[in-house]
C-alpha atoms as a PDB file:
ATOM      1  CA  MET A   1     107.697  89.350  88.322  1.00  0.00           C
ATOM      2  CA  ASN A   2     108.324  93.072  88.662  1.00  0.00           C
ATOM      3  CA  VAL A   3     105.614  95.584  89.527  1.00  0.00           C
ATOM      4  CA  GLY A   4     105.398  97.022  85.993  1.00  0.00           C
ATOM      5  CA  ALA A   5     104.783  93.548  84.580  1.00  0.00           C
ATOM      6  CA  GLN A   6     102.143  92.857  87.260  1.00  0.00           C
ATOM      7  CA  ILE A   7     100.331  96.081  86.363  1.00  0.00           C
ATOM      8  CA  GLN A   8     100.394  95.349  82.640  1.00  0.00           C
ATOM      9  CA  GLY A   9      99.280  91.756  83.262  1.00  0.00           C
ATOM     10  CA  TYR A  10      96.311  92.994  85.251  1.00  0.00           C
ATOM     11  CA  ILE A  11      95.381  95.569  82.615  1.00  0.00           C
ATOM     12  CA  VAL A  12      95.461  93.117  79.694  1.00  0.00           C
ATOM     13  CA  ALA A  13      93.402  90.584  81.682  1.00  0.00           C
ATOM     14  CA  GLN A  14      90.451  93.009  81.856  1.00  0.00           C
ATOM     15  CA  PRO A  15      87.596  93.296  79.353  1.00  0.00           C
ATOM     16  CA  GLU A  16      88.513  95.533  76.413  1.00  0.00           C
ATOM     17  CA  ALA A  17      86.616  98.668  77.488  1.00  0.00           C
ATOM     18  CA  LYS A  18      87.984  98.519  81.038  1.00  0.00           C
ATOM     19  CA  GLN A  19      91.437  97.693  79.666  1.00  0.00           C
ATOM     20  CA  ARG A  20      91.486 100.905  77.608  1.00  0.00           C
ATOM     21  CA  ASP A  21      90.345 102.994  80.571  1.00  0.00           C
ATOM     22  CA  LEU A  22      92.915 101.462  82.927  1.00  0.00           C
ATOM     23  CA  GLN A  23      95.731 101.889  80.405  1.00  0.00           C
ATOM     24  CA  THR A  24      94.747 105.537  79.854  1.00  0.00           C
ATOM     25  CA  LEU A  25      94.643 106.150  83.610  1.00  0.00           C
ATOM     26  CA  HIS A  26      97.986 104.420  84.128  1.00  0.00           C
ATOM     27  CA  GLU A  27      99.626 106.485  81.390  1.00  0.00           C
ATOM     28  CA  LEU A  28      98.121 109.703  82.765  1.00  0.00           C
ATOM     29  CA  VAL A  29      99.459 109.058  86.260  1.00  0.00           C
ATOM     30  CA  LEU A  30     102.904 108.229  84.871  1.00  0.00           C
ATOM     31  CA  SER A  31     102.920 111.393  82.749  1.00  0.00           C
ATOM     32  CA  LEU A  32     102.032 113.520  85.784  1.00  0.00           C
ATOM     33  CA  MET A  33     104.412 111.762  88.164  1.00  0.00           C
ATOM     34  CA  PRO A  34     107.094 109.984  86.108  1.00  0.00           C
ATOM     35  CA  ASP A  35     109.263 109.242  89.150  1.00  0.00           C
ATOM     36  CA  CYS A  36     106.469 107.867  91.327  1.00  0.00           C
ATOM     37  CA  ARG A  37     106.871 104.507  92.992  1.00  0.00           C
ATOM     38  CA  LEU A  38     104.742 101.862  91.303  1.00  0.00           C
ATOM     39  CA  TRP A  39     103.004  99.162  93.295  1.00  0.00           C
ATOM     40  CA  PHE A  40     100.423  96.515  92.602  1.00  0.00           C
ATOM     41  CA  LEU A  41      97.871  95.407  95.160  1.00  0.00           C
ATOM     42  CA  ASP A  42      96.250  92.159  94.111  1.00  0.00           C
ATOM     43  CA  GLY A  43      93.546  92.291  96.777  1.00  0.00           C
ATOM     44  CA  ARG A  44      95.066  89.661  99.017  1.00  0.00           C
ATOM     45  CA  ASN A  45      95.272  90.320 102.709  1.00  0.00           C
ATOM     46  CA  SER A  46      98.971  90.152 103.638  1.00  0.00           C
ATOM     47  CA  LYS A  47      98.107  89.250 107.241  1.00  0.00           C
ATOM     48  CA  LEU A  48      96.237  86.153 106.081  1.00  0.00           C
ATOM     49  CA  LEU A  49      99.177  85.204 103.896  1.00  0.00           C
ATOM     50  CA  ASN A  50     101.617  85.749 106.789  1.00  0.00           C
ATOM     51  CA  LEU A  51     103.631  88.285 104.772  1.00  0.00           C
ATOM     52  CA  GLY A  52     103.802  90.842 107.525  1.00  0.00           C
END
């Protein structure tokens, strides 16, 4: 799954009010920095998962 899909999946999984706020924030950041690198941090500790 690509980062954009992960972000959208997270946003739509939130309660409606939070979903609207997150989508607005996401769109604002993209409008200000359209070439920024997207990433999604799911809260897992990479050291515990042995990912580096």
